Amino acid sequence: MEERVFRLPAVAGILESRFVEARLHTDGESNIDRILALQKELAGSPATPVYLVVDPDSGEILTKLEGPRGTDLFVEFLNDGLEASKRPVRVGLLETE
């Protein structure tokens, strides 16, 4: 996703102007139990990748997408997250891999 989808103008324009990115890497060995527990707590899923749009003030998950997706579905996911926001704020995108 990072190499194929995130860099495309349709996605990069939205991400760069409206989102703050946070990542939780689940492919290492150090602290893996703690990381997987945090992923389950945050995303409610052990799936990877999982993408969340989170309101930075409340911590509320505004929208969630599991698994790799194409450009159109990912843009729709981002726009759904922005629409779910109650006010024009910068929202965070949490990606686990």
C-alpha atoms as a PDB file:
ATOM      1  CA  MET A   1       0.000   0.000   0.000  1.00  0.00           C
ATOM      2  CA  GLU A   2       2.723   2.436   0.956  1.00  0.00           C
ATOM      3  CA  GLU A   3       4.604   1.967  -2.301  1.00  0.00           C
ATOM      4  CA  ARG A   4       1.644   1.545  -4.680  1.00  0.00           C
ATOM      5  CA  VAL A   5      -1.244   3.537  -3.259  1.00  0.00           C
ATOM      6  CA  PHE A   6      -0.042   6.147  -0.746  1.00  0.00           C
ATOM      7  CA  ARG A   7       2.180   7.872  -3.324  1.00  0.00           C
ATOM      8  CA  LEU A   8      -0.511   8.309  -5.980  1.00  0.00           C
ATOM      9  CA  PRO A   9      -1.669  11.932  -6.329  1.00  0.00           C
ATOM     10  CA  ALA A  10      -5.289  11.052  -5.499  1.00  0.00           C
ATOM     11  CA  VAL A  11      -4.206   9.603  -2.144  1.00  0.00           C
ATOM     12  CA  ALA A  12      -1.094  11.642  -1.346  1.00  0.00           C
ATOM     13  CA  GLY A  13      -2.976  14.923  -1.721  1.00  0.00           C
ATOM     14  CA  ILE A  14      -5.537  13.910   0.889  1.00  0.00           C
ATOM     15  CA  LEU A  15      -3.004  12.361   3.267  1.00  0.00           C
ATOM     16  CA  GLU A  16      -0.576  15.276   3.163  1.00  0.00           C
ATOM     17  CA  SER A  17      -3.186  17.995   3.614  1.00  0.00           C
ATOM     18  CA  ARG A  18      -5.645  16.460   6.078  1.00  0.00           C
ATOM     19  CA  PHE A  19      -4.052  13.609   8.034  1.00  0.00           C
ATOM     20  CA  VAL A  20      -1.357  12.943  10.589  1.00  0.00           C
ATOM     21  CA  GLU A  21       0.101   9.479  10.168  1.00  0.00           C
ATOM     22  CA  ALA A  22       0.897   7.056  12.973  1.00  0.00           C
ATOM     23  CA  ARG A  23       2.121   3.498  12.478  1.00  0.00           C
ATOM     24  CA  LEU A  24       2.223   0.428  14.625  1.00  0.00           C
ATOM     25  CA  HIS A  25       4.656  -2.118  13.174  1.00  0.00           C
ATOM     26  CA  THR A  26       3.777  -5.717  13.967  1.00  0.00           C
ATOM     27  CA  ASP A  27       6.508  -7.416  11.966  1.00  0.00           C
ATOM     28  CA  GLY A  28       9.335  -7.208  14.503  1.00  0.00           C
ATOM     29  CA  GLU A  29      10.280  -9.346  17.465  1.00  0.00           C
ATOM     30  CA  SER A  30      10.928  -6.718  20.116  1.00  0.00           C
ATOM     31  CA  ASN A  31       7.913  -6.116  22.388  1.00  0.00           C
ATOM     32  CA  ILE A  32       5.693  -8.042  19.954  1.00  0.00           C
ATOM     33  CA  ASP A  33       3.211  -9.177  22.635  1.00  0.00           C
ATOM     34  CA  ARG A  34       2.738  -5.582  23.786  1.00  0.00           C
ATOM     35  CA  ILE A  35       2.419  -4.336  20.196  1.00  0.00           C
ATOM     36  CA  LEU A  36      -0.159  -6.980  19.246  1.00  0.00           C
ATOM     37  CA  ALA A  37      -2.157  -6.211  22.398  1.00  0.00           C
ATOM     38  CA  LEU A  38      -2.116  -2.523  21.500  1.00  0.00           C
ATOM     39  CA  GLN A  39      -3.260  -3.311  17.963  1.00  0.00           C
ATOM     40  CA  LYS A  40      -6.142  -5.400  19.305  1.00  0.00           C
ATOM     41  CA  GLU A  41      -7.059  -2.596  21.728  1.00  0.00           C
ATOM     42  CA  LEU A  42      -6.901   0.139  19.091  1.00  0.00           C
ATOM     43  CA  ALA A  43      -8.199  -1.682  16.023  1.00  0.00           C
ATOM     44  CA  GLY A  44     -10.192  -4.493  17.595  1.00  0.00           C
ATOM     45  CA  SER A  45      -8.604  -6.821  15.080  1.00  0.00           C
ATOM     46  CA  PRO A  46      -5.451  -8.867  14.630  1.00  0.00           C
ATOM     47  CA  ALA A  47      -5.652  -8.332  10.840  1.00  0.00           C
ATOM     48  CA  THR A  48      -2.819  -6.653   9.003  1.00  0.00           C
ATOM     49  CA  PRO A  49      -2.839  -4.223   7.485  1.00  0.00           C
ATOM     50  CA  VAL A  50      -5.640  -2.373   9.194  1.00  0.00           C
ATOM     51  CA  TYR A  51      -6.185   1.349   8.717  1.00  0.00           C
ATOM     52  CA  LEU A  52      -8.050   3.590  11.135  1.00  0.00           C
ATOM     53  CA  VAL A  53      -9.085   7.202  10.934  1.00  0.00           C
ATOM     54  CA  VAL A  54      -9.116   8.417  14.534  1.00  0.00           C
ATOM     55  CA  ASP A  55     -10.381  11.688  15.954  1.00  0.00           C
ATOM     56  CA  PRO A  56      -7.318  13.128  17.719  1.00  0.00           C
ATOM     57  CA  ASP A  57      -9.321  14.788  20.484  1.00  0.00           C
ATOM     58  CA  SER A  58     -11.683  11.991  21.468  1.00  0.00           C
ATOM     59  CA  GLY A  59      -9.758   8.924  20.260  1.00  0.00           C
ATOM     60  CA  GLU A  60     -12.952   7.795  18.529  1.00  0.00           C
ATOM     61  CA  ILE A  61     -12.438   5.561  15.497  1.00  0.00           C
ATOM     62  CA  LEU A  62     -14.186   7.347  12.654  1.00  0.00           C
ATOM     63  CA  THR A  63     -13.667   4.660  10.042  1.00  0.00           C
ATOM     64  CA  LYS A  64     -11.737   1.411   9.635  1.00  0.00           C
ATOM     65  CA  LEU A  65     -10.385  -0.524   6.651  1.00  0.00           C
ATOM     66  CA  GLU A  66      -8.836  -3.990   6.844  1.00  0.00           C
ATOM     67  CA  GLY A  67      -6.523  -5.507   4.293  1.00  0.00           C
ATOM     68  CA  PRO A  68      -4.780  -4.057   1.272  1.00  0.00           C
ATOM     69  CA  ARG A  69      -7.080  -2.089  -1.033  1.00  0.00           C
ATOM     70  CA  GLY A  70      -6.927  -0.320  -4.349  1.00  0.00           C
ATOM     71  CA  THR A  71      -6.756   3.412  -4.818  1.00  0.00           C
ATOM     72  CA  ASP A  72     -10.490   4.087  -5.199  1.00  0.00           C
ATOM     73  CA  LEU A  73     -11.463   2.179  -2.061  1.00  0.00           C
ATOM     74  CA  PHE A  74      -8.685   3.773  -0.039  1.00  0.00           C
ATOM     75  CA  VAL A  75      -9.682   7.289  -1.146  1.00  0.00           C
ATOM     76  CA  GLU A  76     -13.292   6.450  -0.239  1.00  0.00           C
ATOM     77  CA  PHE A  77     -12.111   5.259   3.187  1.00  0.00           C
ATOM     78  CA  LEU A  78     -10.192   8.515   3.768  1.00  0.00           C
ATOM     79  CA  ASN A  79     -13.136  10.641   2.648  1.00  0.00           C
ATOM     80  CA  ASP A  80     -15.516   8.656   4.878  1.00  0.00           C
ATOM     81  CA  GLY A  81     -13.223   9.421   7.816  1.00  0.00           C
ATOM     82  CA  LEU A  82     -13.199  13.115   7.010  1.00  0.00           C
ATOM     83  CA  GLU A  83     -16.980  13.194   6.645  1.00  0.00           C
ATOM     84  CA  ALA A  84     -17.397  11.386   9.964  1.00  0.00           C
ATOM     85  CA  SER A  85     -15.424  14.102  11.706  1.00  0.00           C
ATOM     86  CA  LYS A  86     -17.781  16.451  13.526  1.00  0.00           C
ATOM     87  CA  ARG A  87     -15.664  19.516  12.753  1.00  0.00           C
ATOM     88  CA  PRO A  88     -12.810  20.417  10.430  1.00  0.00           C
ATOM     89  CA  VAL A  89      -9.879  18.916  12.323  1.00  0.00           C
ATOM     90  CA  ARG A  90      -6.741  17.130  11.320  1.00  0.00           C
ATOM     91  CA  VAL A  91      -7.355  13.468  11.929  1.00  0.00           C
ATOM     92  CA  GLY A  92      -4.805  10.736  12.422  1.00  0.00           C
ATOM     93  CA  LEU A  93      -4.368   7.683  10.268  1.00  0.00           C
ATOM     94  CA  LEU A  94      -3.159   4.634  12.154  1.00  0.00           C
ATOM     95  CA  GLU A  95      -1.735   1.886  10.018  1.00  0.00           C
ATOM     96  CA  THR A  96      -0.660  -1.488  11.336  1.00  0.00           C
ATOM     97  CA  GLU A  97       1.369  -3.852   9.279  1.00  0.00           C
END
